[in-house]
Amino acid sequence: MPKTLTIIGMGACGVAAFAEAVTRLSYDPGDGWLIHLIERDDALARGLAFGTEQPGHLLNTESRLMGLYDQEPGHFRTWLEARRAQAGTPLDPDGVEYPQRREYRLYMRDVLDRALDRARTAGIDVQIHHQEAVSIEGNHVAASIALSDGATIATDIVLLTIGTPDPDRFGTLNGAPGYFDSPTLRIG
């Protein structure tokens, strides 16, 4: 009987977890796998950190130190060099590069698309849910995830890859005029 893996949150951590899972499961699928990808936003491979369209929002880590693959820390730099060479603006191979955050988002989307293709080729069923996971019940053997649309997903393994939670460092200031605890706060 196929096993089920559910990844909640499809920003950088979720994409990295999915790509790694597909790589490993492609080599040893066992009795088969179903993977659920849950993302409350409309777009996968975006996340708060890389969702900006502002050209001035740069990565705060040099490109050679970044990548979604644990065993390939420079994977992003390799991707970026190929992309820039295609555009006719090659990188200096020895130069330090802090690219725009939106370029990293394009990289994440490319990694996600390649992992989706690899999953299809390997016969791994992937279902994408643009819903919010509102609760998880279960134990170390199995869990049930309730989604905001009322659907539930029974799963063997759950990975919470929801990024950095909103900070609450100055709780005593909450509600004070002019104080915003988190830039993700939605007004109106």
Protein backbone atom coordinates (compact mmCIF):
# COMPACT_ATOMS: atom_id res chain seq x y z
CA MET A 1 0.00 0.00 0.00
CA PRO A 2 1.40 3.45 -0.91
CA LYS A 3 2.64 5.70 1.86
CA THR A 4 1.68 9.36 2.14
CA LEU A 5 3.94 12.36 2.80
CA THR A 6 2.41 15.79 3.40
CA ILE A 7 4.48 18.99 3.24
CA ILE A 8 2.81 22.05 4.74
CA GLY A 9 4.27 25.32 3.44
CA MET A 10 5.86 25.57 0.01
CA GLY A 11 8.35 28.39 0.40
CA ALA A 12 12.10 27.71 0.35
CA CYS A 13 12.04 25.04 3.08
CA GLY A 14 9.05 23.24 1.55
CA VAL A 15 10.56 23.24 -1.94
CA ALA A 16 13.87 21.95 -0.57
CA ALA A 17 12.11 19.18 1.40
CA PHE A 18 10.01 18.19 -1.62
CA ALA A 19 13.00 18.10 -4.00
CA GLU A 20 14.99 15.97 -1.55
CA ALA A 21 12.06 13.62 -0.95
CA VAL A 22 11.50 13.11 -4.67
CA THR A 23 15.21 12.47 -5.22
CA ARG A 24 15.30 9.80 -2.52
CA LEU A 25 11.95 8.21 -3.35
CA SER A 26 12.84 8.01 -7.05
CA TYR A 27 15.63 5.59 -6.17
CA ASP A 28 13.59 3.47 -3.77
CA PRO A 29 9.84 3.98 -4.15
CA GLY A 30 8.92 0.94 -2.07
CA ASP A 31 5.20 0.25 -2.47
CA GLY A 32 4.61 3.73 -3.88
CA TRP A 33 4.14 7.25 -2.55
CA LEU A 34 1.54 9.99 -2.60
CA ILE A 35 2.83 13.46 -1.75
CA HIS A 36 0.51 16.30 -0.75
CA LEU A 37 1.86 19.85 -1.05
CA ILE A 38 -0.13 22.35 1.01
CA GLU A 39 0.32 26.10 0.49
CA ARG A 40 -2.19 28.69 1.62
CA ASP A 41 -1.06 31.28 -0.93
CA ASP A 42 -1.82 31.16 -4.65
CA ALA A 43 1.80 30.60 -5.66
CA LEU A 44 4.17 27.82 -4.71
CA ALA A 45 7.92 28.46 -4.37
CA ARG A 46 7.46 32.02 -3.25
CA GLY A 47 7.34 32.48 0.50
CA LEU A 48 7.58 35.72 2.41
CA ALA A 49 11.35 36.09 2.04
CA PHE A 50 11.41 35.82 -1.75
CA GLY A 51 7.97 37.10 -2.77
CA THR A 52 9.08 40.68 -3.33
CA GLU A 53 9.16 42.28 -6.77
CA GLN A 54 11.34 45.18 -5.59
CA PRO A 55 14.66 45.16 -7.50
CA GLY A 56 16.42 46.70 -4.50
CA HIS A 57 15.60 43.73 -2.25
CA LEU A 58 18.81 41.74 -2.41
CA LEU A 59 19.83 38.48 -0.81
CA ASN A 60 21.84 38.98 2.36
CA THR A 61 23.99 35.92 1.64
CA GLU A 62 26.51 35.63 -1.18
CA SER A 63 25.19 33.49 -4.05
CA ARG A 64 27.94 30.84 -3.77
CA LEU A 65 26.68 29.94 -0.30
CA MET A 66 23.07 29.38 -1.31
CA GLY A 67 21.06 26.52 -2.69
CA LEU A 68 18.16 24.23 -1.88
CA TYR A 69 20.17 21.00 -1.93
CA ASP A 70 21.97 20.00 1.25
CA GLN A 71 24.82 18.32 -0.59
CA GLU A 72 25.19 21.14 -3.14
CA PRO A 73 25.51 24.46 -1.26
CA GLY A 74 26.54 26.32 -4.43
CA HIS A 75 23.66 24.98 -6.53
CA PHE A 76 22.02 28.41 -6.73
CA ARG A 77 25.25 30.01 -8.01
CA THR A 78 25.54 27.39 -10.75
CA TRP A 79 21.91 28.03 -11.75
CA LEU A 80 22.45 31.82 -11.64
CA GLU A 81 25.59 31.63 -13.80
CA ALA A 82 23.74 29.62 -16.46
CA ARG A 83 20.76 32.00 -16.37
CA ARG A 84 22.90 35.11 -16.66
CA ALA A 85 25.00 33.58 -19.45
CA GLN A 86 21.79 32.89 -21.43
CA ALA A 87 20.76 36.52 -20.95
CA GLY A 88 24.15 37.70 -22.24
CA THR A 89 25.24 39.11 -18.87
CA PRO A 90 27.66 36.49 -17.52
CA LEU A 91 28.81 36.61 -13.91
CA ASP A 92 32.42 37.10 -12.97
CA PRO A 93 33.32 33.56 -11.83
CA ASP A 94 35.39 34.99 -8.98
CA GLY A 95 33.07 37.91 -8.18
CA VAL A 96 30.91 38.27 -5.12
CA GLU A 97 27.24 38.40 -6.06
CA TYR A 98 24.21 39.35 -3.95
CA PRO A 99 21.36 38.87 -6.42
CA GLN A 100 17.82 40.09 -6.13
CA ARG A 101 15.49 38.06 -3.91
CA ARG A 102 13.14 37.56 -6.84
CA GLU A 103 15.95 35.74 -8.70
CA TYR A 104 16.09 33.26 -5.84
CA ARG A 105 12.33 32.83 -6.18
CA LEU A 106 12.78 31.97 -9.88
CA TYR A 107 15.44 29.46 -8.85
CA MET A 108 13.07 27.92 -6.27
CA ARG A 109 10.35 27.63 -8.92
CA ASP A 110 12.78 25.93 -11.30
CA VAL A 111 13.81 23.43 -8.60
CA LEU A 112 10.12 22.79 -7.82
CA ASP A 113 9.22 22.27 -11.50
CA ARG A 114 12.12 19.84 -11.98
CA ALA A 115 11.09 17.91 -8.87
CA LEU A 116 7.48 17.73 -10.11
CA ASP A 117 8.72 16.38 -13.46
CA ARG A 118 10.94 13.84 -11.71
CA ALA A 119 8.05 12.74 -9.50
CA ARG A 120 5.84 12.15 -12.56
CA THR A 121 8.60 10.17 -14.27
CA ALA A 122 9.09 8.05 -11.13
CA GLY A 123 5.36 7.42 -10.75
CA ILE A 124 5.05 9.44 -7.55
CA ASP A 125 1.58 10.96 -7.26
CA VAL A 126 1.73 14.64 -6.21
CA GLN A 127 -1.37 16.59 -5.22
CA ILE A 128 -1.23 20.35 -4.68
CA HIS A 129 -3.66 22.02 -2.28
CA HIS A 130 -3.98 25.82 -2.24
CA GLN A 131 -5.52 25.78 1.23
CA GLU A 132 -4.47 26.54 4.75
CA ALA A 133 -3.79 23.63 7.07
CA VAL A 134 -5.88 24.49 10.13
CA SER A 135 -5.17 21.48 12.37
CA ILE A 136 -3.15 18.30 12.65
CA GLU A 137 -4.20 15.35 14.78
CA GLY A 138 -2.44 12.05 15.24
CA ASN A 139 0.80 10.57 16.48
CA HIS A 140 4.16 9.29 15.24
CA VAL A 141 2.47 6.59 13.14
CA ALA A 142 -0.24 8.53 11.26
CA ALA A 143 -1.91 11.92 11.19
CA SER A 144 -4.95 13.70 9.81
CA ILE A 145 -4.68 17.24 8.51
CA ALA A 146 -7.75 19.48 8.30
CA LEU A 147 -7.74 22.09 5.55
CA SER A 148 -9.55 25.44 5.48
CA ASP A 149 -12.00 24.18 2.85
CA GLY A 150 -13.17 21.39 5.18
CA ALA A 151 -11.24 18.61 3.45
CA THR A 152 -8.99 16.28 5.45
CA ILE A 153 -5.83 14.47 4.42
CA ALA A 154 -4.78 11.21 6.04
CA THR A 155 -1.00 10.97 6.01
CA ASP A 156 1.86 8.84 7.29
CA ILE A 157 4.42 11.66 7.50
CA VAL A 158 3.96 15.42 7.99
CA LEU A 159 6.64 18.05 7.42
CA LEU A 160 5.89 21.54 8.73
CA THR A 161 7.93 23.89 6.57
CA ILE A 162 6.10 27.08 7.43
CA GLY A 163 9.07 29.43 7.64
CA THR A 164 9.77 31.88 10.39
CA PRO A 165 6.77 32.72 12.55
CA ASP A 166 5.81 36.31 13.19
CA PRO A 167 7.93 37.79 15.96
CA ASP A 168 6.44 38.81 19.29
CA ARG A 169 9.47 40.35 20.94
CA PHE A 170 7.72 43.43 22.22
CA GLY A 171 4.31 42.08 23.28
CA THR A 172 3.74 44.93 25.68
CA LEU A 173 3.65 47.34 22.71
CA ASN A 174 0.96 45.43 20.81
CA GLY A 175 -1.94 47.75 20.13
CA ALA A 176 0.09 50.92 20.81
CA PRO A 177 -0.41 53.65 18.19
CA GLY A 178 2.20 53.46 15.44
CA TYR A 179 3.60 50.08 16.54
CA PHE A 180 3.59 47.17 14.07
CA ASP A 181 4.97 43.91 15.42
CA SER A 182 5.49 42.30 12.04
CA PRO A 183 5.76 43.57 8.45
CA THR A 184 3.43 40.71 7.47
CA LEU A 185 0.60 42.32 9.44
CA ARG A 186 -2.34 42.97 7.16
CA ILE A 187 -4.18 46.19 7.70
CA GLY A 188 -7.78 46.75 6.66
